[in-house]
Amino acid sequence: SGTLNTATGTFTDDEGNVVATVYTSIIENGAPLTS
């Protein structure tokens, strides 16, 4: 929970701390899907 600054690509949590790594899940496509 927090924000993503689209200009800098930075995630910040609700307490104002920068979060270096955020995980999610995707539907893959192209060569990565074959891999």
Full PDB file with SEQRES, HELIX, SHEET, SSBOND, CRYST1, ORIGX, SCALE, CONECT and MASTER records, all heavy atoms in Angstrom:
SEQRES   1 A   35  SER GLY THR LEU ASN THR ALA THR GLY THR PHE THR ASP          
SEQRES   2 A   35  ASP GLU GLY ASN VAL VAL ALA THR VAL TYR THR SER ILE          
SEQRES   3 A   35  ILE GLU ASN GLY ALA PRO LEU THR SER                          
HELIX    1 AA1 GLY A   30  THR A   34  1                                   5    
SHEET    1 AA1 3 GLY A   2  ASN A   5  0                                        
SHEET    2 AA1 3 THR A  10  ASP A  13 -1                                        
SHEET    3 AA1 3 VAL A  18  VAL A  19 -1                                        
CRYST1    1.000    1.000    1.000  90.00  90.00  90.00 P 1           1          
ORIGX1      1.000000  0.000000  0.000000        0.00000                         
ORIGX2      0.000000  1.000000  0.000000        0.00000                         
ORIGX3      0.000000  0.000000  1.000000        0.00000                         
SCALE1      1.000000  0.000000  0.000000        0.00000                         
SCALE2      0.000000  1.000000  0.000000        0.00000                         
SCALE3      0.000000  0.000000  1.000000        0.00000                         
ATOM      1  N   SER A   1       0.873  -1.177   0.000  1.00  0.00           N  
ATOM      2  CA  SER A   1       0.000   0.000   0.000  1.00  0.00           C  
ATOM      3  C   SER A   1       0.906   1.221   0.000  1.00  0.00           C  
ATOM      4  O   SER A   1       1.839   1.312   0.804  1.00  0.00           O  
ATOM      5  CB  SER A   1      -0.912   0.020   1.233  1.00  0.00           C  
ATOM      6  OG  SER A   1      -1.868  -1.010   1.172  1.00  0.00           O  
ATOM      7  N   GLY A   2       0.625   2.129  -0.914  1.00  0.00           N  
ATOM      8  CA  GLY A   2       1.458   3.324  -1.024  1.00  0.00           C  
ATOM      9  C   GLY A   2       1.272   3.966  -2.378  1.00  0.00           C  
ATOM     10  O   GLY A   2       0.153   3.983  -2.919  1.00  0.00           O  
ATOM     11  N   THR A   3       2.361   4.485  -2.936  1.00  0.00           N  
ATOM     12  CA  THR A   3       2.270   5.175  -4.236  1.00  0.00           C  
ATOM     13  C   THR A   3       3.407   4.742  -5.156  1.00  0.00           C  
ATOM     14  O   THR A   3       4.451   4.267  -4.706  1.00  0.00           O  
ATOM     15  CB  THR A   3       2.357   6.705  -4.051  1.00  0.00           C  
ATOM     16  OG1 THR A   3       3.614   7.033  -3.432  1.00  0.00           O  
ATOM     17  CG2 THR A   3       1.198   7.230  -3.212  1.00  0.00           C  
ATOM     18  N   LEU A   4       3.155   4.918  -6.462  1.00  0.00           N  
ATOM     19  CA  LEU A   4       4.194   4.743  -7.485  1.00  0.00           C  
ATOM     20  C   LEU A   4       4.340   6.069  -8.214  1.00  0.00           C  
ATOM     21  O   LEU A   4       3.361   6.575  -8.788  1.00  0.00           O  
ATOM     22  CB  LEU A   4       3.814   3.637  -8.474  1.00  0.00           C  
ATOM     23  CG  LEU A   4       4.637   3.573  -9.782  1.00  0.00           C  
ATOM     24  CD1 LEU A   4       6.103   3.296  -9.496  1.00  0.00           C  
ATOM     25  CD2 LEU A   4       4.066   2.518 -10.740  1.00  0.00           C  
ATOM     26  N   ASN A   5       5.524   6.669  -8.162  1.00  0.00           N  
ATOM     27  CA  ASN A   5       5.803   7.891  -8.912  1.00  0.00           C  
ATOM     28  C   ASN A   5       6.163   7.486 -10.336  1.00  0.00           C  
ATOM     29  O   ASN A   5       7.217   6.884 -10.574  1.00  0.00           O  
ATOM     30  CB  ASN A   5       6.956   8.669  -8.270  1.00  0.00           C  
ATOM     31  CG  ASN A   5       7.180  10.028  -8.929  1.00  0.00           C  
ATOM     32  OD1 ASN A   5       7.269  10.114 -10.141  1.00  0.00           O  
ATOM     33  ND2 ASN A   5       7.276  11.081  -8.112  1.00  0.00           N  
ATOM     34  N   THR A   6       5.279   7.786 -11.283  1.00  0.00           N  
ATOM     35  CA  THR A   6       5.494   7.319 -12.656  1.00  0.00           C  
ATOM     36  C   THR A   6       6.637   8.053 -13.347  1.00  0.00           C  
ATOM     37  O   THR A   6       7.177   7.567 -14.339  1.00  0.00           O  
ATOM     38  CB  THR A   6       4.203   7.495 -13.485  1.00  0.00           C  
ATOM     39  OG1 THR A   6       3.796   8.873 -13.462  1.00  0.00           O  
ATOM     40  CG2 THR A   6       3.079   6.636 -12.922  1.00  0.00           C  
ATOM     41  N   ALA A   7       7.010   9.223 -12.843  1.00  0.00           N  
ATOM     42  CA  ALA A   7       8.118   9.975 -13.447  1.00  0.00           C  
ATOM     43  C   ALA A   7       9.469   9.365 -13.080  1.00  0.00           C  
ATOM     44  O   ALA A   7      10.380   9.271 -13.906  1.00  0.00           O  
ATOM     45  CB  ALA A   7       8.064  11.437 -13.012  1.00  0.00           C  
ATOM     46  N   THR A   8       9.585   8.931 -11.813  1.00  0.00           N  
ATOM     47  CA  THR A   8      10.870   8.398 -11.336  1.00  0.00           C  
ATOM     48  C   THR A   8      10.882   6.875 -11.238  1.00  0.00           C  
ATOM     49  O   THR A   8      11.949   6.265 -11.105  1.00  0.00           O  
ATOM     50  CB  THR A   8      11.204   8.974  -9.945  1.00  0.00           C  
ATOM     51  OG1 THR A   8      10.182   8.562  -9.015  1.00  0.00           O  
ATOM     52  CG2 THR A   8      11.260  10.490  -9.978  1.00  0.00           C  
ATOM     53  N   GLY A   9       9.685   6.259 -11.289  1.00  0.00           N  
ATOM     54  CA  GLY A   9       9.612   4.808 -11.147  1.00  0.00           C  
ATOM     55  C   GLY A   9       9.848   4.336  -9.732  1.00  0.00           C  
ATOM     56  O   GLY A   9      10.273   3.205  -9.504  1.00  0.00           O  
ATOM     57  N   THR A  10       9.542   5.202  -8.744  1.00  0.00           N  
ATOM     58  CA  THR A  10       9.815   4.899  -7.341  1.00  0.00           C  
ATOM     59  C   THR A  10       8.540   4.514  -6.599  1.00  0.00           C  
ATOM     60  O   THR A  10       7.528   5.220  -6.670  1.00  0.00           O  
ATOM     61  CB  THR A  10      10.449   6.119  -6.642  1.00  0.00           C  
ATOM     62  OG1 THR A  10      11.600   6.526  -7.367  1.00  0.00           O  
ATOM     63  CG2 THR A  10      10.847   5.778  -5.213  1.00  0.00           C  
ATOM     64  N   PHE A  11       8.620   3.383  -5.855  1.00  0.00           N  
ATOM     65  CA  PHE A  11       7.524   2.972  -4.984  1.00  0.00           C  
ATOM     66  C   PHE A  11       7.779   3.526  -3.575  1.00  0.00           C  
ATOM     67  O   PHE A  11       8.892   3.426  -3.050  1.00  0.00           O  
ATOM     68  CB  PHE A  11       7.438   1.452  -4.896  1.00  0.00           C  
ATOM     69  CG  PHE A  11       6.818   0.794  -6.094  1.00  0.00           C  
ATOM     70  CD1 PHE A  11       7.608   0.245  -7.097  1.00  0.00           C  
ATOM     71  CD2 PHE A  11       5.438   0.717  -6.230  1.00  0.00           C  
ATOM     72  CE1 PHE A  11       7.047  -0.370  -8.205  1.00  0.00           C  
ATOM     73  CE2 PHE A  11       4.860   0.107  -7.339  1.00  0.00           C  
ATOM     74  CZ  PHE A  11       5.663  -0.434  -8.328  1.00  0.00           C  
ATOM     75  N   THR A  12       6.758   4.110  -2.959  1.00  0.00           N  
ATOM     76  CA  THR A  12       6.853   4.618  -1.587  1.00  0.00           C  
ATOM     77  C   THR A  12       5.672   4.087  -0.793  1.00  0.00           C  
ATOM     78  O   THR A  12       4.522   4.174  -1.250  1.00  0.00           O  
ATOM     79  CB  THR A  12       6.823   6.161  -1.576  1.00  0.00           C  
ATOM     80  OG1 THR A  12       7.809   6.659  -2.473  1.00  0.00           O  
ATOM     81  CG2 THR A  12       7.096   6.694  -0.177  1.00  0.00           C  
ATOM     82  N   ASP A  13       5.947   3.511   0.409  1.00  0.00           N  
ATOM     83  CA  ASP A  13       4.835   2.962   1.190  1.00  0.00           C  
ATOM     84  C   ASP A  13       4.103   4.066   1.951  1.00  0.00           C  
ATOM     85  O   ASP A  13       4.475   5.237   1.884  1.00  0.00           O  
ATOM     86  CB  ASP A  13       5.319   1.850   2.139  1.00  0.00           C  
ATOM     87  CG  ASP A  13       6.271   2.349   3.221  1.00  0.00           C  
ATOM     88  OD1 ASP A  13       6.290   3.561   3.494  1.00  0.00           O  
ATOM     89  OD2 ASP A  13       6.996   1.505   3.788  1.00  0.00           O  
ATOM     90  N   ASP A  14       3.056   3.695   2.673  1.00  0.00           N  
ATOM     91  CA  ASP A  14       2.203   4.678   3.368  1.00  0.00           C  
ATOM     92  C   ASP A  14       2.952   5.462   4.440  1.00  0.00           C  
ATOM     93  O   ASP A  14       2.516   6.541   4.856  1.00  0.00           O  
ATOM     94  CB  ASP A  14       0.990   3.968   3.998  1.00  0.00           C  
ATOM     95  CG  ASP A  14      -0.040   3.581   2.946  1.00  0.00           C  
ATOM     96  OD1 ASP A  14       0.001   4.167   1.840  1.00  0.00           O  
ATOM     97  OD2 ASP A  14      -0.876   2.695   3.224  1.00  0.00           O  
ATOM     98  N   GLU A  15       4.072   4.923   4.896  1.00  0.00           N  
ATOM     99  CA  GLU A  15       4.847   5.607   5.933  1.00  0.00           C  
ATOM    100  C   GLU A  15       5.962   6.475   5.350  1.00  0.00           C  
ATOM    101  O   GLU A  15       6.784   7.027   6.079  1.00  0.00           O  
ATOM    102  CB  GLU A  15       5.444   4.571   6.894  1.00  0.00           C  
ATOM    103  CG  GLU A  15       4.367   3.791   7.661  1.00  0.00           C  
ATOM    104  CD  GLU A  15       4.958   2.672   8.504  1.00  0.00           C  
ATOM    105  OE1 GLU A  15       6.203   2.534   8.500  1.00  0.00           O  
ATOM    106  OE2 GLU A  15       4.183   1.951   9.146  1.00  0.00           O  
ATOM    107  N   GLY A  16       5.996   6.580   4.022  1.00  0.00           N  
ATOM    108  CA  GLY A  16       6.979   7.441   3.361  1.00  0.00           C  
ATOM    109  C   GLY A  16       8.304   6.771   3.073  1.00  0.00           C  
ATOM    110  O   GLY A  16       9.256   7.425   2.620  1.00  0.00           O  
ATOM    111  N   ASN A  17       8.395   5.458   3.271  1.00  0.00           N  
ATOM    112  CA  ASN A  17       9.641   4.736   3.006  1.00  0.00           C  
ATOM    113  C   ASN A  17       9.683   4.268   1.550  1.00  0.00           C  
ATOM    114  O   ASN A  17       8.674   3.766   1.020  1.00  0.00           O  
ATOM    115  CB  ASN A  17       9.759   3.508   3.927  1.00  0.00           C  
ATOM    116  CG  ASN A  17       9.748   3.899   5.398  1.00  0.00           C  
ATOM    117  OD1 ASN A  17      10.447   4.833   5.800  1.00  0.00           O  
ATOM    118  ND2 ASN A  17       8.934   3.197   6.192  1.00  0.00           N  
ATOM    119  N   VAL A  18      10.847   4.442   0.921  1.00  0.00           N  
ATOM    120  CA  VAL A  18      11.022   3.945  -0.445  1.00  0.00           C  
ATOM    121  C   VAL A  18      11.132   2.428  -0.408  1.00  0.00           C  
ATOM    122  O   VAL A  18      11.891   1.862   0.390  1.00  0.00           O  
ATOM    123  CB  VAL A  18      12.289   4.549  -1.096  1.00  0.00           C  
ATOM    124  CG1 VAL A  18      12.571   3.880  -2.447  1.00  0.00           C  
ATOM    125  CG2 VAL A  18      12.129   6.046  -1.263  1.00  0.00           C  
ATOM    126  N   VAL A  19      10.350   1.753  -1.260  1.00  0.00           N  
ATOM    127  CA  VAL A  19      10.370   0.291  -1.344  1.00  0.00           C  
ATOM    128  C   VAL A  19      11.130  -0.095  -2.613  1.00  0.00           C  
ATOM    129  O   VAL A  19      10.693   0.227  -3.726  1.00  0.00           O  
ATOM    130  CB  VAL A  19       8.938  -0.288  -1.368  1.00  0.00           C  
ATOM    131  CG1 VAL A  19       8.973  -1.813  -1.460  1.00  0.00           C  
ATOM    132  CG2 VAL A  19       8.164   0.160  -0.126  1.00  0.00           C  
ATOM    133  N   ALA A  20      12.260  -0.746  -2.443  1.00  0.00           N  
ATOM    134  CA  ALA A  20      13.145  -1.028  -3.584  1.00  0.00           C  
ATOM    135  C   ALA A  20      12.555  -2.058  -4.543  1.00  0.00           C  
ATOM    136  O   ALA A  20      12.677  -1.941  -5.768  1.00  0.00           O  
ATOM    137  CB  ALA A  20      14.502  -1.509  -3.078  1.00  0.00           C  
ATOM    138  N   THR A  21      11.892  -3.089  -3.992  1.00  0.00           N  
ATOM    139  CA  THR A  21      11.389  -4.172  -4.845  1.00  0.00           C  
ATOM    140  C   THR A  21       9.926  -4.450  -4.529  1.00  0.00           C  
ATOM    141  O   THR A  21       9.560  -4.660  -3.363  1.00  0.00           O  
ATOM    142  CB  THR A  21      12.201  -5.465  -4.610  1.00  0.00           C  
ATOM    143  OG1 THR A  21      13.589  -5.182  -4.773  1.00  0.00           O  
ATOM    144  CG2 THR A  21      11.795  -6.543  -5.604  1.00  0.00           C  
ATOM    145  N   VAL A  22       9.119  -4.440  -5.598  1.00  0.00           N  
ATOM    146  CA  VAL A  22       7.697  -4.752  -5.463  1.00  0.00           C  
ATOM    147  C   VAL A  22       7.383  -5.889  -6.433  1.00  0.00           C  
ATOM    148  O   VAL A  22       7.869  -5.895  -7.574  1.00  0.00           O  
ATOM    149  CB  VAL A  22       6.822  -3.516  -5.765  1.00  0.00           C  
ATOM    150  CG1 VAL A  22       5.351  -3.886  -5.818  1.00  0.00           C  
ATOM    151  CG2 VAL A  22       7.056  -2.446  -4.707  1.00  0.00           C  
ATOM    152  N   TYR A  23       6.575  -6.840  -5.985  1.00  0.00           N  
ATOM    153  CA  TYR A  23       6.252  -8.019  -6.789  1.00  0.00           C  
ATOM    154  C   TYR A  23       4.801  -7.968  -7.262  1.00  0.00           C  
ATOM    155  O   TYR A  23       3.930  -7.395  -6.612  1.00  0.00           O  
ATOM    156  CB  TYR A  23       6.467  -9.296  -5.965  1.00  0.00           C  
ATOM    157  CG  TYR A  23       7.871  -9.468  -5.453  1.00  0.00           C  
ATOM    158  CD1 TYR A  23       8.271  -8.887  -4.242  1.00  0.00           C  
ATOM    159  CD2 TYR A  23       8.812 -10.192  -6.176  1.00  0.00           C  
ATOM    160  CE1 TYR A  23       9.574  -9.030  -3.767  1.00  0.00           C  
ATOM    161  CE2 TYR A  23      10.113 -10.343  -5.716  1.00  0.00           C  
ATOM    162  CZ  TYR A  23      10.485  -9.762  -4.507  1.00  0.00           C  
ATOM    163  OH  TYR A  23      11.781  -9.899  -4.058  1.00  0.00           O  
ATOM    164  N   THR A  24       4.554  -8.586  -8.419  1.00  0.00           N  
ATOM    165  CA  THR A  24       3.186  -8.731  -8.917  1.00  0.00           C  
ATOM    166  C   THR A  24       3.135  -9.978  -9.797  1.00  0.00           C  
ATOM    167  O   THR A  24       4.107 -10.745  -9.874  1.00  0.00           O  
ATOM    168  CB  THR A  24       2.730  -7.476  -9.687  1.00  0.00           C  
ATOM    169  OG1 THR A  24       1.331  -7.590  -9.975  1.00  0.00           O  
ATOM    170  CG2 THR A  24       3.489  -7.290 -10.997  1.00  0.00           C  
ATOM    171  N   SER A  25       2.021 -10.184 -10.462  1.00  0.00           N  
ATOM    172  CA  SER A  25       1.908 -11.313 -11.390  1.00  0.00           C  
ATOM    173  C   SER A  25       1.361 -10.798 -12.715  1.00  0.00           C  
ATOM    174  O   SER A  25       0.610  -9.819 -12.751  1.00  0.00           O  
ATOM    175  CB  SER A  25       0.987 -12.400 -10.822  1.00  0.00           C  
ATOM    176  OG  SER A  25      -0.299 -11.862 -10.568  1.00  0.00           O  
ATOM    177  N   ILE A  26       1.766 -11.457 -13.794  1.00  0.00           N  
ATOM    178  CA  ILE A  26       1.397 -10.981 -15.140  1.00  0.00           C  
ATOM    179  C   ILE A  26       0.961 -12.135 -16.025  1.00  0.00           C  
ATOM    180  O   ILE A  26       1.253 -13.297 -15.751  1.00  0.00           O  
ATOM    181  CB  ILE A  26       2.580 -10.257 -15.827  1.00  0.00           C  
ATOM    182  CG1 ILE A  26       3.773 -11.223 -15.961  1.00  0.00           C  
ATOM    183  CG2 ILE A  26       2.971  -9.001 -15.090  1.00  0.00           C  
ATOM    184  CD1 ILE A  26       4.819 -10.775 -16.937  1.00  0.00           C  
ATOM    185  N   ILE A  27       0.257 -11.777 -17.084  1.00  0.00           N  
ATOM    186  CA  ILE A  27       0.003 -12.709 -18.186  1.00  0.00           C  
ATOM    187  C   ILE A  27       1.142 -12.483 -19.170  1.00  0.00           C  
ATOM    188  O   ILE A  27       1.314 -11.379 -19.687  1.00  0.00           O  
ATOM    189  CB  ILE A  27      -1.348 -12.403 -18.878  1.00  0.00           C  
ATOM    190  CG1 ILE A  27      -2.509 -12.549 -17.889  1.00  0.00           C  
ATOM    191  CG2 ILE A  27      -1.539 -13.299 -20.088  1.00  0.00           C  
ATOM    192  CD1 ILE A  27      -2.817 -13.953 -17.500  1.00  0.00           C  
ATOM    193  N   GLU A  28       1.937 -13.512 -19.447  1.00  0.00           N  
ATOM    194  CA  GLU A  28       3.111 -13.330 -20.300  1.00  0.00           C  
ATOM    195  C   GLU A  28       2.747 -13.467 -21.772  1.00  0.00           C  
ATOM    196  O   GLU A  28       1.673 -13.962 -22.119  1.00  0.00           O  
ATOM    197  CB  GLU A  28       4.199 -14.338 -19.890  1.00  0.00           C  
ATOM    198  CG  GLU A  28       5.600 -13.991 -20.348  1.00  0.00           C  
ATOM    199  CD  GLU A  28       6.053 -12.577 -20.014  1.00  0.00           C  
ATOM    200  OE1 GLU A  28       5.704 -11.655 -20.782  1.00  0.00           O  
ATOM    201  OE2 GLU A  28       6.758 -12.389 -19.013  1.00  0.00           O  
ATOM    202  N   ASN A  29       3.649 -13.027 -22.639  1.00  0.00           N  
ATOM    203  CA  ASN A  29       3.393 -13.008 -24.080  1.00  0.00           C  
ATOM    204  C   ASN A  29       4.726 -13.144 -24.806  1.00  0.00           C  
ATOM    205  O   ASN A  29       5.789 -12.946 -24.229  1.00  0.00           O  
ATOM    206  CB  ASN A  29       2.695 -11.687 -24.459  1.00  0.00           C  
ATOM    207  CG  ASN A  29       2.179 -11.683 -25.884  1.00  0.00           C  
ATOM    208  OD1 ASN A  29       2.153 -12.728 -26.538  1.00  0.00           O  
ATOM    209  ND2 ASN A  29       1.783 -10.530 -26.386  1.00  0.00           N  
ATOM    210  N   GLY A  30       4.667 -13.445 -26.117  1.00  0.00           N  
ATOM    211  CA  GLY A  30       5.878 -13.455 -26.941  1.00  0.00           C  
ATOM    212  C   GLY A  30       6.886 -14.517 -26.522  1.00  0.00           C  
ATOM    213  O   GLY A  30       6.542 -15.547 -25.930  1.00  0.00           O  
ATOM    214  N   ALA A  31       8.164 -14.261 -26.819  1.00  0.00           N  
ATOM    215  CA  ALA A  31       9.230 -15.226 -26.524  1.00  0.00           C  
ATOM    216  C   ALA A  31       9.297 -15.591 -25.037  1.00  0.00           C  
ATOM    217  O   ALA A  31       9.550 -16.761 -24.709  1.00  0.00           O  
ATOM    218  CB  ALA A  31      10.572 -14.686 -27.011  1.00  0.00           C  
ATOM    219  N   PRO A  32       9.071 -14.631 -24.092  1.00  0.00           N  
ATOM    220  CA  PRO A  32       9.097 -15.012 -22.678  1.00  0.00           C  
ATOM    221  C   PRO A  32       8.042 -16.065 -22.317  1.00  0.00           C  
ATOM    222  O   PRO A  32       8.275 -16.896 -21.441  1.00  0.00           O  
ATOM    223  CB  PRO A  32       8.811 -13.687 -21.947  1.00  0.00           C  
ATOM    224  CG  PRO A  32       9.293 -12.631 -22.887  1.00  0.00           C  
ATOM    225  CD  PRO A  32       8.973 -13.158 -24.248  1.00  0.00           C  
ATOM    226  N   LEU A  33       6.880 -16.045 -23.010  1.00  0.00           N  
ATOM    227  CA  LEU A  33       5.848 -17.057 -22.753  1.00  0.00           C  
ATOM    228  C   LEU A  33       6.345 -18.430 -23.196  1.00  0.00           C  
ATOM    229  O   LEU A  33       6.167 -19.429 -22.493  1.00  0.00           O  
ATOM    230  CB  LEU A  33       4.554 -16.691 -23.487  1.00  0.00           C  
ATOM    231  CG  LEU A  33       3.385 -17.689 -23.358  1.00  0.00           C  
ATOM    232  CD1 LEU A  33       2.979 -17.845 -21.896  1.00  0.00           C  
ATOM    233  CD2 LEU A  33       2.190 -17.239 -24.196  1.00  0.00           C  
ATOM    234  N   THR A  34       6.993 -18.484 -24.358  1.00  0.00           N  
ATOM    235  CA  THR A  34       7.556 -19.747 -24.841  1.00  0.00           C  
ATOM    236  C   THR A  34       8.649 -20.242 -23.894  1.00  0.00           C  
ATOM    237  O   THR A  34       8.740 -21.442 -23.607  1.00  0.00           O  
ATOM    238  CB  THR A  34       8.118 -19.574 -26.271  1.00  0.00           C  
ATOM    239  OG1 THR A  34       7.097 -19.008 -27.106  1.00  0.00           O  
ATOM    240  CG2 THR A  34       8.558 -20.896 -26.857  1.00  0.00           C  
ATOM    241  N   SER A  35       9.474 -19.317 -23.391  1.00  0.00           N  
ATOM    242  CA  SER A  35      10.532 -19.680 -22.432  1.00  0.00           C  
ATOM    243  C   SER A  35       9.923 -20.302 -21.175  1.00  0.00           C  
ATOM    244  O   SER A  35      10.416 -21.314 -20.662  1.00  0.00           O  
ATOM    245  CB  SER A  35      11.352 -18.450 -22.033  1.00  0.00           C  
ATOM    246  OG  SER A  35      12.104 -17.976 -23.111  1.00  0.00           O  
TER     247      SER A  35                                                      
MASTER        0    0    0    1    3    0    0    6  246    1    0    3          
END                                                                             
